[in-house]
Amino acid sequence: MQPFHAEIIAIGEELLSSESETLDTNSVYITQQLGALGVRVIYKTTVGDDEARITEVLRIALQRVPIIITTGGLGPTVDDMTRQAVARAIERPLVFQQTLLDEIAAKFARFNVRMSANNRAQAMLPEGAVAINNPTGTAPGFYVIHEGAIIICLPGVPREMKAMLEQSALPLLRQWIGAPRVIKTRVLRTAGIGESHIDEQIGHLERLSNPTVGLNAHAGQTDIRITARAESEAEAEALIASVEAEIRAKIGDYIFGVGKETLEQAFADAVRRSGLRVVIGELYTGGMLQRRLSKATFADGVLRFAEQGVLERLRSQMQGDLRVVSEQMAAALRLEHGVDAALVVIAEAESSAMAATDGLELRSRAYFYGTDMTTPEVPSGWALSMGWHLLKRRVSAQT
């Protein structure tokens, strides 16, 4: 069962302007929803409000994917050109639909707003196109099938796009592609291992067509998404279970959770199971690690955070590269606080480093200028990952 491929075309000058603050959140949301349907987005294109360019990208898309979803350009103004571009791309005329105009006029009346003459343009659709109702706005969408491909056009306003996608476009696509009755996804969450190392171990599984296996890397952790399509819940579960078992056999030591389980809570659980008391020290991170760990539940007295003054004093006393400094600070904090383990992260202007020790084992790593590790979020994520894996190994050694 091969997955269908799709392209998303985001239309609008505001998505390309250097002065605009508009982000294309629509494409991200559509990608997620299509993935749950078993449709893989393999191209995303952004194009401005130019009829010729929109037509060009549509023609290119028609040559490479069977599913095309556009967002934007469905308003009544002169720069709303999606209808015209689709008509040109598939070489069909625009046809006026009186019924559609009546529906648009009725919406304006319900909203107690006067409809302008240029709204008539919204009732012009490519020949053979079918209108898609907009339950939260006045701009209708539409879809058209052309030479084995389907083009679905939705508004660019996120609230309107989401409603139309969920209520109309996804059910339409499910029927059009003959989607199986059950689509089931399981996410295995890993920490302490990089995406490339995971790929070395399970790369052959990423080439499967059903279930599909994909990786999504974050700071210090990587999610492994397994999606199965089947005729029954039991069949989908069996497909996932087989692949999950193989993944766990390869890298099970790095899996901290499933679904929405968080690394923060996994760290807290590892602290509880290890019976260790832990001190956290972070310099120049803006308290990122403390904020993250505040979302987890710890027993009283097992976790403490070193004061900034203490950390700055220790930093001034230590020499060497930042990785060595982080190791020295972790060892010093553990002794100074009289606890069992310490986790340190330092995010300076040109480099980042982190270290974790439980008195028996010391782990550390450093990243230098030119990588994104110099932003606080990333080293904090890797530090938490390192701390979790160290504590997990301690728990394993105790049992």
Protein backbone atom coordinates (compact mmCIF):
# COMPACT_ATOMS: atom_id res chain seq x y z
CA MET A 1 0.00 0.00 0.00
CA GLN A 2 1.98 2.98 -1.31
CA PRO A 3 1.36 6.38 0.30
CA PHE A 4 -0.12 9.15 -1.84
CA HIS A 5 2.10 12.17 -2.39
CA ALA A 6 0.94 15.76 -2.13
CA GLU A 7 2.14 19.31 -2.67
CA ILE A 8 1.03 22.37 -0.71
CA ILE A 9 1.08 25.73 -2.48
CA ALA A 10 0.87 28.74 -0.15
CA ILE A 11 -0.21 31.87 -2.03
CA GLY A 12 0.28 35.44 -0.84
CA GLU A 13 2.76 38.30 -1.01
CA GLU A 14 2.67 38.57 2.79
CA LEU A 15 4.40 35.17 3.00
CA LEU A 16 7.35 36.44 0.95
CA SER A 17 7.76 40.06 2.02
CA SER A 18 10.83 40.88 4.12
CA GLU A 19 8.71 43.38 6.05
CA SER A 20 5.89 40.95 6.87
CA GLU A 21 5.57 39.05 10.13
CA THR A 22 3.10 36.51 8.70
CA LEU A 23 4.22 32.89 9.05
CA ASP A 24 2.92 30.04 6.93
CA THR A 25 1.37 28.01 9.73
CA ASN A 26 -1.24 26.67 7.31
CA SER A 27 1.22 24.40 5.51
CA VAL A 28 2.42 22.87 8.78
CA TYR A 29 -1.13 22.12 9.88
CA ILE A 30 -2.13 20.67 6.52
CA THR A 31 0.97 18.46 6.49
CA GLN A 32 0.06 17.05 9.90
CA GLN A 33 -3.53 16.36 8.89
CA LEU A 34 -2.55 14.73 5.60
CA GLY A 35 -0.01 12.56 7.40
CA ALA A 36 -2.74 11.19 9.62
CA LEU A 37 -4.62 10.30 6.44
CA GLY A 38 -1.63 8.42 5.04
CA VAL A 39 -0.77 11.17 2.55
CA ARG A 40 2.84 12.32 2.44
CA VAL A 41 3.64 15.94 1.57
CA ILE A 42 6.78 15.90 -0.57
CA TYR A 43 6.75 19.48 -1.86
CA LYS A 44 5.83 22.85 -0.38
CA THR A 45 5.82 25.93 -2.59
CA THR A 46 5.27 29.57 -1.65
CA VAL A 47 4.32 32.02 -4.38
CA GLY A 48 3.22 35.64 -4.44
CA ASP A 49 0.02 37.16 -5.78
CA ASP A 50 0.96 36.87 -9.45
CA GLU A 51 -1.33 34.94 -11.78
CA ALA A 52 1.41 33.81 -14.16
CA ARG A 53 3.64 32.53 -11.36
CA ILE A 54 0.75 30.78 -9.58
CA THR A 55 -0.19 29.13 -12.88
CA GLU A 56 3.41 28.01 -13.38
CA VAL A 57 3.76 26.38 -9.97
CA LEU A 58 0.38 24.65 -10.41
CA ARG A 59 1.47 23.19 -13.75
CA ILE A 60 4.71 21.95 -12.19
CA ALA A 61 2.80 20.43 -9.28
CA LEU A 62 0.42 18.62 -11.65
CA GLN A 63 3.41 16.91 -13.24
CA ARG A 64 4.72 15.44 -9.98
CA VAL A 65 1.93 14.77 -7.45
CA PRO A 66 -1.71 13.63 -7.57
CA ILE A 67 -2.84 15.82 -4.66
CA ILE A 68 -2.43 19.60 -4.60
CA ILE A 69 -3.74 21.86 -1.85
CA THR A 70 -3.52 25.63 -2.19
CA THR A 71 -4.12 28.24 0.48
CA GLY A 72 -4.85 31.91 -0.13
CA GLY A 73 -5.95 34.02 -3.06
CA LEU A 74 -9.69 33.29 -2.84
CA GLY A 75 -10.90 36.74 -1.84
CA PRO A 76 -12.81 39.16 -4.09
CA THR A 77 -9.99 41.67 -4.74
CA VAL A 78 -7.83 42.07 -7.83
CA ASP A 79 -4.84 40.40 -6.18
CA ASP A 80 -6.84 37.23 -5.38
CA MET A 81 -5.87 35.16 -8.41
CA THR A 82 -6.11 31.51 -7.40
CA ARG A 83 -9.31 30.85 -9.38
CA GLN A 84 -7.87 32.33 -12.56
CA ALA A 85 -4.54 30.54 -12.15
CA VAL A 86 -6.14 27.13 -11.60
CA ALA A 87 -8.31 27.65 -14.68
CA ARG A 88 -5.26 28.54 -16.78
CA ALA A 89 -3.19 25.67 -15.38
CA ILE A 90 -5.78 23.05 -16.36
CA GLU A 91 -6.83 24.95 -19.51
CA ARG A 92 -10.48 25.34 -18.60
CA PRO A 93 -12.66 28.47 -18.65
CA LEU A 94 -14.02 30.17 -15.56
CA VAL A 95 -17.75 29.57 -15.20
CA PHE A 96 -20.14 31.73 -13.22
CA GLN A 97 -22.21 29.81 -10.64
CA GLN A 98 -25.35 31.71 -9.67
CA THR A 99 -26.14 29.27 -6.86
CA LEU A 100 -22.74 29.94 -5.32
CA LEU A 101 -23.23 33.71 -5.53
CA ASP A 102 -26.61 33.33 -3.83
CA GLU A 103 -24.94 31.41 -0.99
CA ILE A 104 -22.28 34.12 -0.62
CA ALA A 105 -24.96 36.83 -0.56
CA ALA A 106 -26.92 34.93 2.09
CA LYS A 107 -23.83 34.83 4.31
CA PHE A 108 -23.33 38.57 4.00
CA ALA A 109 -26.96 39.05 4.94
CA ARG A 110 -26.58 36.84 8.02
CA PHE A 111 -23.52 38.82 9.05
CA ASN A 112 -25.49 42.05 8.42
CA VAL A 113 -22.76 43.25 6.05
CA ARG A 114 -23.29 44.78 2.60
CA MET A 115 -21.90 42.65 -0.22
CA SER A 116 -19.76 44.50 -2.78
CA ALA A 117 -20.04 44.03 -6.51
CA ASN A 118 -16.57 42.50 -6.67
CA ASN A 119 -17.74 39.55 -4.56
CA ARG A 120 -19.28 38.24 -7.78
CA ALA A 121 -15.76 37.13 -8.73
CA GLN A 122 -15.88 34.54 -5.94
CA ALA A 123 -18.69 32.74 -7.79
CA MET A 124 -16.44 32.24 -10.83
CA LEU A 125 -14.91 28.75 -10.70
CA PRO A 126 -12.97 26.66 -13.22
CA GLU A 127 -15.26 24.52 -15.36
CA GLY A 128 -16.05 21.28 -13.54
CA ALA A 129 -14.98 22.61 -10.13
CA VAL A 130 -17.11 22.00 -7.05
CA ALA A 131 -17.46 24.68 -4.36
CA ILE A 132 -16.36 23.97 -0.77
CA ASN A 133 -18.46 25.65 1.90
CA ASN A 134 -16.74 28.08 4.26
CA PRO A 135 -18.52 27.70 7.63
CA THR A 136 -16.68 30.56 9.32
CA GLY A 137 -16.22 33.12 6.54
CA THR A 138 -17.57 34.29 3.20
CA ALA A 139 -14.84 33.12 0.79
CA PRO A 140 -15.76 29.72 -0.67
CA GLY A 141 -13.11 27.20 -1.57
CA PHE A 142 -13.34 24.68 -4.38
CA TYR A 143 -11.87 21.49 -5.72
CA VAL A 144 -11.40 20.20 -9.24
CA ILE A 145 -10.23 16.86 -10.59
CA HIS A 146 -7.95 17.00 -13.61
CA GLU A 147 -6.26 14.09 -15.40
CA GLY A 148 -6.03 11.88 -12.32
CA ALA A 149 -5.06 14.68 -9.93
CA ILE A 150 -7.14 16.64 -7.45
CA ILE A 151 -6.62 20.34 -6.71
CA ILE A 152 -8.18 21.63 -3.49
CA CYS A 153 -8.20 25.39 -2.95
CA LEU A 154 -8.74 26.79 0.55
CA PRO A 155 -8.61 30.33 2.01
CA GLY A 156 -5.45 31.66 3.60
CA VAL A 157 -7.09 32.74 6.87
CA PRO A 158 -6.00 29.96 9.27
CA ARG A 159 -9.31 29.72 11.13
CA GLU A 160 -11.26 29.38 7.89
CA MET A 161 -8.73 27.01 6.33
CA LYS A 162 -8.79 24.65 9.32
CA ALA A 163 -12.58 24.45 9.42
CA MET A 164 -12.84 23.76 5.69
CA LEU A 165 -9.99 21.24 5.75
CA GLU A 166 -11.49 19.27 8.62
CA GLN A 167 -15.15 19.44 7.58
CA SER A 168 -14.82 19.11 3.82
CA ALA A 169 -11.37 18.57 2.32
CA LEU A 170 -10.20 15.65 4.47
CA PRO A 171 -13.42 13.64 4.07
CA LEU A 172 -13.23 14.35 0.34
CA LEU A 173 -9.64 13.14 0.17
CA ARG A 174 -10.39 10.07 2.24
CA GLN A 175 -13.03 9.09 -0.30
CA TRP A 176 -10.93 10.09 -3.31
CA ILE A 177 -7.86 8.04 -2.37
CA GLY A 178 -9.85 5.14 -0.97
CA ALA A 179 -8.22 5.53 2.41
CA PRO A 180 -8.43 2.54 4.74
CA ARG A 181 -10.88 2.67 7.59
CA VAL A 182 -8.19 2.75 10.27
CA ILE A 183 -5.07 4.94 10.35
CA LYS A 184 -3.13 4.47 13.56
CA THR A 185 0.00 6.28 14.69
CA ARG A 186 2.40 5.64 17.53
CA VAL A 187 5.25 7.98 18.46
CA LEU A 188 8.29 6.57 20.24
CA ARG A 189 10.26 9.32 22.00
CA THR A 190 14.02 8.96 22.33
CA ALA A 191 16.75 10.91 24.11
CA GLY A 192 20.50 10.58 24.43
CA ILE A 193 20.94 9.52 20.81
CA GLY A 194 21.18 11.69 17.71
CA GLU A 195 19.01 11.44 14.60
CA SER A 196 21.91 10.19 12.46
CA HIS A 197 22.67 7.37 14.89
CA ILE A 198 19.02 6.33 14.92
CA ASP A 199 19.06 6.34 11.13
CA GLU A 200 22.07 4.01 11.15
CA GLN A 201 20.13 1.52 13.25
CA ILE A 202 16.67 1.64 11.70
CA GLY A 203 17.20 3.28 8.30
CA HIS A 204 15.82 0.20 6.53
CA LEU A 205 12.52 0.65 8.37
CA GLU A 206 12.21 4.23 7.09
CA ARG A 207 11.83 2.80 3.58
CA LEU A 208 8.71 0.83 4.46
CA SER A 209 5.42 1.84 2.83
CA ASN A 210 3.05 0.40 5.47
CA PRO A 211 3.62 1.11 8.22
CA THR A 212 5.64 4.21 7.47
CA VAL A 213 8.44 5.25 9.83
CA GLY A 214 9.66 8.84 10.10
CA LEU A 215 12.04 10.78 12.34
CA ASN A 216 11.49 14.23 13.85
CA ALA A 217 14.51 15.67 15.66
CA HIS A 218 14.31 18.18 18.54
CA ALA A 219 16.99 19.50 20.90
CA GLY A 220 18.28 16.44 22.73
CA GLN A 221 15.56 14.10 21.56
CA THR A 222 14.17 12.50 18.43
CA ASP A 223 10.64 11.25 17.86
CA ILE A 224 10.05 8.12 15.79
CA ARG A 225 6.59 8.16 14.22
CA ILE A 226 5.08 4.84 13.09
CA THR A 227 1.89 5.10 11.03
CA ALA A 228 -0.11 2.09 9.86
CA ARG A 229 -3.09 2.00 7.51
CA ALA A 230 -5.41 -0.99 7.69
CA GLU A 231 -8.98 -2.21 7.50
CA SER A 232 -9.25 -2.83 11.24
CA GLU A 233 -7.83 -1.57 14.53
CA ALA A 234 -6.31 -4.98 15.24
CA GLU A 235 -4.57 -5.14 11.87
CA ALA A 236 -3.13 -1.63 12.28
CA GLU A 237 -1.94 -2.45 15.81
CA ALA A 238 -0.24 -5.62 14.57
CA LEU A 239 1.61 -3.70 11.86
CA ILE A 240 2.83 -1.11 14.36
CA ALA A 241 3.74 -3.67 17.02
CA SER A 242 5.99 -5.59 14.65
CA VAL A 243 8.00 -2.50 13.69
CA GLU A 244 8.04 -1.15 17.25
CA ALA A 245 9.51 -4.42 18.52
CA GLU A 246 12.34 -4.18 15.99
CA ILE A 247 13.03 -0.55 16.92
CA ARG A 248 13.11 -1.37 20.63
CA ALA A 249 15.48 -4.26 19.97
CA LYS A 250 17.87 -1.84 18.26
CA ILE A 251 17.64 1.34 20.38
CA GLY A 252 15.26 0.55 23.22
CA ASP A 253 17.73 1.86 25.78
CA TYR A 254 17.15 5.37 24.42
CA ILE A 255 13.33 5.34 24.35
CA PHE A 256 11.95 7.38 27.25
CA GLY A 257 8.29 7.49 26.37
CA VAL A 258 5.41 7.04 23.95
CA GLY A 259 2.97 9.57 22.52
CA LYS A 260 2.82 12.78 24.54
CA GLU A 261 5.06 11.64 27.41
CA THR A 262 7.68 14.31 28.07
CA LEU A 263 11.41 14.18 28.66
CA GLU A 264 10.93 16.37 31.72
CA GLN A 265 8.69 13.80 33.39
CA ALA A 266 10.95 10.96 32.26
CA PHE A 267 13.82 12.75 34.02
CA ALA A 268 11.70 13.15 37.17
CA ASP A 269 10.75 9.45 37.06
CA ALA A 270 14.42 8.49 36.68
CA VAL A 271 15.31 10.63 39.71
CA ARG A 272 12.61 8.87 41.73
CA ARG A 273 13.60 5.37 40.66
CA SER A 274 17.30 6.00 41.23
CA GLY A 275 16.75 7.35 44.73
CA LEU A 276 19.37 10.03 44.05
CA ARG A 277 19.31 13.69 45.03
CA VAL A 278 20.22 15.96 42.13
CA VAL A 279 21.47 19.53 41.78
CA ILE A 280 21.02 21.51 38.56
CA GLY A 281 23.35 24.32 37.54
CA GLU A 282 22.77 26.46 34.46
CA LEU A 283 24.67 29.53 33.34
CA TYR A 284 23.50 32.02 30.69
CA THR A 285 20.46 29.96 29.69
CA GLY A 286 17.87 32.30 31.13
CA GLY A 287 16.70 29.56 33.46
CA MET A 288 15.51 27.43 30.55
CA LEU A 289 16.18 24.10 32.26
CA GLN A 290 14.46 25.14 35.49
CA ARG A 291 11.38 26.27 33.56
CA ARG A 292 11.21 22.97 31.72
CA LEU A 293 11.58 20.88 34.87
CA SER A 294 8.92 22.91 36.66
CA LYS A 295 6.41 21.09 34.44
CA ALA A 296 7.34 17.71 35.97
CA THR A 297 6.52 16.24 39.38
CA PHE A 298 9.37 15.60 41.83
CA ALA A 299 9.36 14.34 45.41
CA ASP A 300 10.28 16.97 48.00
CA GLY A 301 13.99 17.54 48.49
CA VAL A 302 15.33 15.43 45.61
CA LEU A 303 15.95 18.31 43.19
CA ARG A 304 17.59 21.65 43.81
CA PHE A 305 18.93 24.45 41.65
CA ALA A 306 22.29 26.11 42.27
CA GLU A 307 22.28 29.87 42.82
CA GLN A 308 23.70 32.02 40.04
CA GLY A 309 26.24 33.60 42.38
CA VAL A 310 27.66 30.18 43.24
CA LEU A 311 27.85 29.20 39.58
CA GLU A 312 29.55 32.44 38.56
CA ARG A 313 32.08 32.03 41.39
CA LEU A 314 32.89 28.48 40.31
CA ARG A 315 33.13 29.55 36.67
CA SER A 316 35.65 32.28 37.50
CA GLN A 317 37.83 29.78 39.36
CA MET A 318 38.04 27.23 36.56
CA GLN A 319 40.32 27.12 33.55
CA GLY A 320 40.37 25.18 30.30
CA ASP A 321 37.92 24.72 27.48
CA LEU A 322 34.24 24.94 28.24
CA ARG A 323 33.69 21.18 28.24
CA VAL A 324 36.35 20.72 30.91
CA VAL A 325 34.86 23.62 32.87
CA SER A 326 31.40 22.04 32.76
CA GLU A 327 32.86 18.77 34.08
CA GLN A 328 34.66 20.58 36.89
CA MET A 329 31.53 22.54 37.81
CA ALA A 330 29.38 19.40 37.90
CA ALA A 331 31.82 17.66 40.23
CA ALA A 332 32.15 20.76 42.43
CA LEU A 333 28.39 21.34 42.65
CA ARG A 334 27.78 17.74 43.63
CA LEU A 335 30.21 18.03 46.54
CA GLU A 336 29.23 21.55 47.57
CA HIS A 337 25.52 20.68 47.77
CA GLY A 338 26.12 17.29 49.33
CA VAL A 339 23.96 15.47 46.78
CA ASP A 340 24.37 12.33 44.70
CA ALA A 341 24.34 13.76 41.17
CA ALA A 342 24.78 17.03 39.33
CA LEU A 343 23.79 18.34 35.92
CA VAL A 344 25.40 21.49 34.50
CA VAL A 345 24.76 23.40 31.28
CA ILE A 346 26.63 26.55 30.17
CA ALA A 347 25.57 28.58 27.12
CA GLU A 348 28.20 31.25 26.44
CA ALA A 349 28.34 33.53 23.43
CA GLU A 350 30.59 31.35 21.27
CA SER A 351 30.14 27.86 22.70
CA SER A 352 27.96 25.64 24.83
CA ALA A 353 28.82 22.75 27.11
CA MET A 354 27.09 20.41 29.51
CA ALA A 355 28.11 17.73 31.97
CA ALA A 356 26.37 15.19 34.20
CA THR A 357 27.83 13.07 36.97
CA ASP A 358 26.51 10.69 39.61
CA GLY A 359 29.89 10.19 41.28
CA LEU A 360 30.47 6.95 39.38
CA GLU A 361 30.18 8.16 35.83
CA LEU A 362 30.89 11.51 34.17
CA ARG A 363 29.43 12.55 30.84
CA SER A 364 29.99 15.76 28.92
CA ARG A 365 29.82 17.33 25.50
CA ALA A 366 30.49 20.73 23.94
CA TYR A 367 29.38 22.64 20.87
CA PHE A 368 31.12 25.61 19.38
CA TYR A 369 30.27 28.77 17.47
CA GLY A 370 28.70 28.12 14.11
CA THR A 371 26.14 25.65 15.43
CA ASP A 372 22.68 26.31 16.81
CA MET A 373 23.86 24.90 20.13
CA THR A 374 24.73 28.43 21.25
CA THR A 375 21.03 29.23 21.75
CA PRO A 376 19.79 28.34 25.26
CA GLU A 377 16.98 26.03 24.16
CA VAL A 378 19.24 23.57 22.38
CA PRO A 379 21.99 22.94 24.96
CA SER A 380 19.33 22.83 27.68
CA GLY A 381 17.54 20.11 25.74
CA TRP A 382 20.71 18.11 25.27
CA ALA A 383 21.64 18.54 28.93
CA LEU A 384 18.27 17.17 30.03
CA SER A 385 18.70 14.28 27.63
CA MET A 386 22.16 13.56 29.04
CA GLY A 387 20.94 13.73 32.62
CA TRP A 388 18.02 11.38 31.93
CA HIS A 389 20.22 8.79 30.26
CA LEU A 390 22.80 8.90 33.06
CA LEU A 391 20.12 8.35 35.70
CA LYS A 392 18.50 5.61 33.63
CA ARG A 393 21.80 3.73 33.47
CA ARG A 394 22.15 4.13 37.24
CA VAL A 395 18.70 2.61 37.74
CA SER A 396 19.58 -0.29 35.43
CA ALA A 397 22.79 -0.92 37.37
CA GLN A 398 20.84 -1.03 40.64
CA THR A 399 18.42 -3.72 39.44
